[in-house]
Amino acid sequence: MDSNAIRTVGVLGLGKMGGPMAKHLLARGYGVVGYDPVPAAGDKARADGVRVLADVAYKSGSALSEHERQRCK
């Protein structure tokens, strides 16, 4: 693999769309780090091999999921 190649992908939202996307990425050899505000979605993704975060802040960056935006309104 190229030294500049993406090796880990972050997925915000691990439910109906993000969960299957994360599984496909794992099957293709990528590391997957994810977040979902719904505990059941995170639990399922964790069982599939996703590293599930407790919140959306990761390392020095941060992100805001659509779920979080809706809760803030």
C-alpha atoms as a PDB file:
ATOM      1  CA  MET A   1       0.000   0.000   0.000  1.00  0.00           C
ATOM      2  CA  ASP A   2       1.242   3.493  -0.864  1.00  0.00           C
ATOM      3  CA  SER A   3       2.617   5.338   2.185  1.00  0.00           C
ATOM      4  CA  ASN A   4       0.205   8.214   1.409  1.00  0.00           C
ATOM      5  CA  ALA A   5      -2.802   5.922   1.049  1.00  0.00           C
ATOM      6  CA  ILE A   6      -5.779   6.253   3.372  1.00  0.00           C
ATOM      7  CA  ARG A   7      -5.716   3.425   5.891  1.00  0.00           C
ATOM      8  CA  THR A   8      -8.385   4.476   8.376  1.00  0.00           C
ATOM      9  CA  VAL A   9     -11.799   5.967   7.611  1.00  0.00           C
ATOM     10  CA  GLY A  10     -14.123   7.749  10.029  1.00  0.00           C
ATOM     11  CA  VAL A  11     -17.861   7.135   9.779  1.00  0.00           C
ATOM     12  CA  LEU A  12     -20.339   9.410  11.551  1.00  0.00           C
ATOM     13  CA  GLY A  13     -23.608   7.567  11.948  1.00  0.00           C
ATOM     14  CA  LEU A  14     -23.469   3.773  12.105  1.00  0.00           C
ATOM     15  CA  GLY A  15     -27.127   2.996  11.466  1.00  0.00           C
ATOM     16  CA  LYS A  16     -28.945   2.001   8.282  1.00  0.00           C
ATOM     17  CA  MET A  17     -26.448   3.618   5.887  1.00  0.00           C
ATOM     18  CA  GLY A  18     -23.254   4.060   7.898  1.00  0.00           C
ATOM     19  CA  GLY A  19     -23.264   0.543   9.366  1.00  0.00           C
ATOM     20  CA  PRO A  20     -23.151  -1.253   6.002  1.00  0.00           C
ATOM     21  CA  MET A  21     -20.614   1.259   4.657  1.00  0.00           C
ATOM     22  CA  ALA A  22     -18.373   0.566   7.659  1.00  0.00           C
ATOM     23  CA  LYS A  23     -18.678  -3.203   7.108  1.00  0.00           C
ATOM     24  CA  HIS A  24     -17.699  -2.847   3.433  1.00  0.00           C
ATOM     25  CA  LEU A  25     -14.688  -0.731   4.367  1.00  0.00           C
ATOM     26  CA  LEU A  26     -13.583  -3.305   6.950  1.00  0.00           C
ATOM     27  CA  ALA A  27     -13.964  -6.103   4.390  1.00  0.00           C
ATOM     28  CA  ARG A  28     -11.638  -4.200   2.054  1.00  0.00           C
ATOM     29  CA  GLY A  29      -8.946  -3.888   4.711  1.00  0.00           C
ATOM     30  CA  TYR A  30      -9.513  -0.350   5.997  1.00  0.00           C
ATOM     31  CA  GLY A  31      -9.518   0.526   9.661  1.00  0.00           C
ATOM     32  CA  VAL A  32     -12.828   2.117  10.625  1.00  0.00           C
ATOM     33  CA  VAL A  33     -13.439   4.536  13.481  1.00  0.00           C
ATOM     34  CA  GLY A  34     -17.059   5.490  14.026  1.00  0.00           C
ATOM     35  CA  TYR A  35     -19.590   7.297  16.147  1.00  0.00           C
ATOM     36  CA  ASP A  36     -23.342   7.098  16.580  1.00  0.00           C
ATOM     37  CA  PRO A  37     -25.456   8.722  19.306  1.00  0.00           C
ATOM     38  CA  VAL A  38     -27.696   5.616  19.358  1.00  0.00           C
ATOM     39  CA  PRO A  39     -26.008   3.004  21.592  1.00  0.00           C
ATOM     40  CA  ALA A  40     -27.505  -0.003  19.751  1.00  0.00           C
ATOM     41  CA  ALA A  41     -25.999   1.145  16.431  1.00  0.00           C
ATOM     42  CA  GLY A  42     -22.599   1.562  18.074  1.00  0.00           C
ATOM     43  CA  ASP A  43     -22.836  -1.864  19.714  1.00  0.00           C
ATOM     44  CA  LYS A  44     -23.612  -3.564  16.392  1.00  0.00           C
ATOM     45  CA  ALA A  45     -20.778  -1.740  14.627  1.00  0.00           C
ATOM     46  CA  ARG A  46     -18.377  -2.658  17.449  1.00  0.00           C
ATOM     47  CA  ALA A  47     -19.340  -6.321  17.035  1.00  0.00           C
ATOM     48  CA  ASP A  48     -18.509  -5.977  13.317  1.00  0.00           C
ATOM     49  CA  GLY A  49     -15.026  -4.659  14.150  1.00  0.00           C
ATOM     50  CA  VAL A  50     -15.478  -0.874  14.113  1.00  0.00           C
ATOM     51  CA  ARG A  51     -13.620   1.129  16.740  1.00  0.00           C
ATOM     52  CA  VAL A  52     -16.583   3.037  18.206  1.00  0.00           C
ATOM     53  CA  LEU A  53     -15.877   6.360  19.894  1.00  0.00           C
ATOM     54  CA  ALA A  54     -17.717   7.749  22.918  1.00  0.00           C
ATOM     55  CA  ASP A  55     -18.091  11.144  21.216  1.00  0.00           C
ATOM     56  CA  VAL A  56     -17.313  12.751  17.882  1.00  0.00           C
ATOM     57  CA  ALA A  57     -14.038  14.415  18.934  1.00  0.00           C
ATOM     58  CA  TYR A  58     -11.097  12.357  17.665  1.00  0.00           C
ATOM     59  CA  LYS A  59      -7.430  13.239  18.054  1.00  0.00           C
ATOM     60  CA  SER A  60      -6.959  16.928  17.238  1.00  0.00           C
ATOM     61  CA  GLY A  61      -9.989  17.236  14.966  1.00  0.00           C
ATOM     62  CA  SER A  62     -13.673  17.186  15.613  1.00  0.00           C
ATOM     63  CA  ALA A  63     -16.796  16.722  13.575  1.00  0.00           C
ATOM     64  CA  LEU A  64     -20.513  17.260  13.932  1.00  0.00           C
ATOM     65  CA  SER A  65     -22.894  14.552  12.819  1.00  0.00           C
ATOM     66  CA  GLU A  66     -26.354  15.231  11.418  1.00  0.00           C
ATOM     67  CA  HIS A  67     -27.754  13.707  14.642  1.00  0.00           C
ATOM     68  CA  GLU A  68     -25.886  16.267  16.733  1.00  0.00           C
ATOM     69  CA  ARG A  69     -27.001  19.179  14.541  1.00  0.00           C
ATOM     70  CA  GLN A  70     -30.630  18.159  14.968  1.00  0.00           C
ATOM     71  CA  ARG A  71     -30.282  17.893  18.743  1.00  0.00           C
ATOM     72  CA  CYS A  72     -28.738  21.380  18.919  1.00  0.00           C
ATOM     73  CA  LYS A  73     -31.714  23.086  17.269  1.00  0.00           C
END
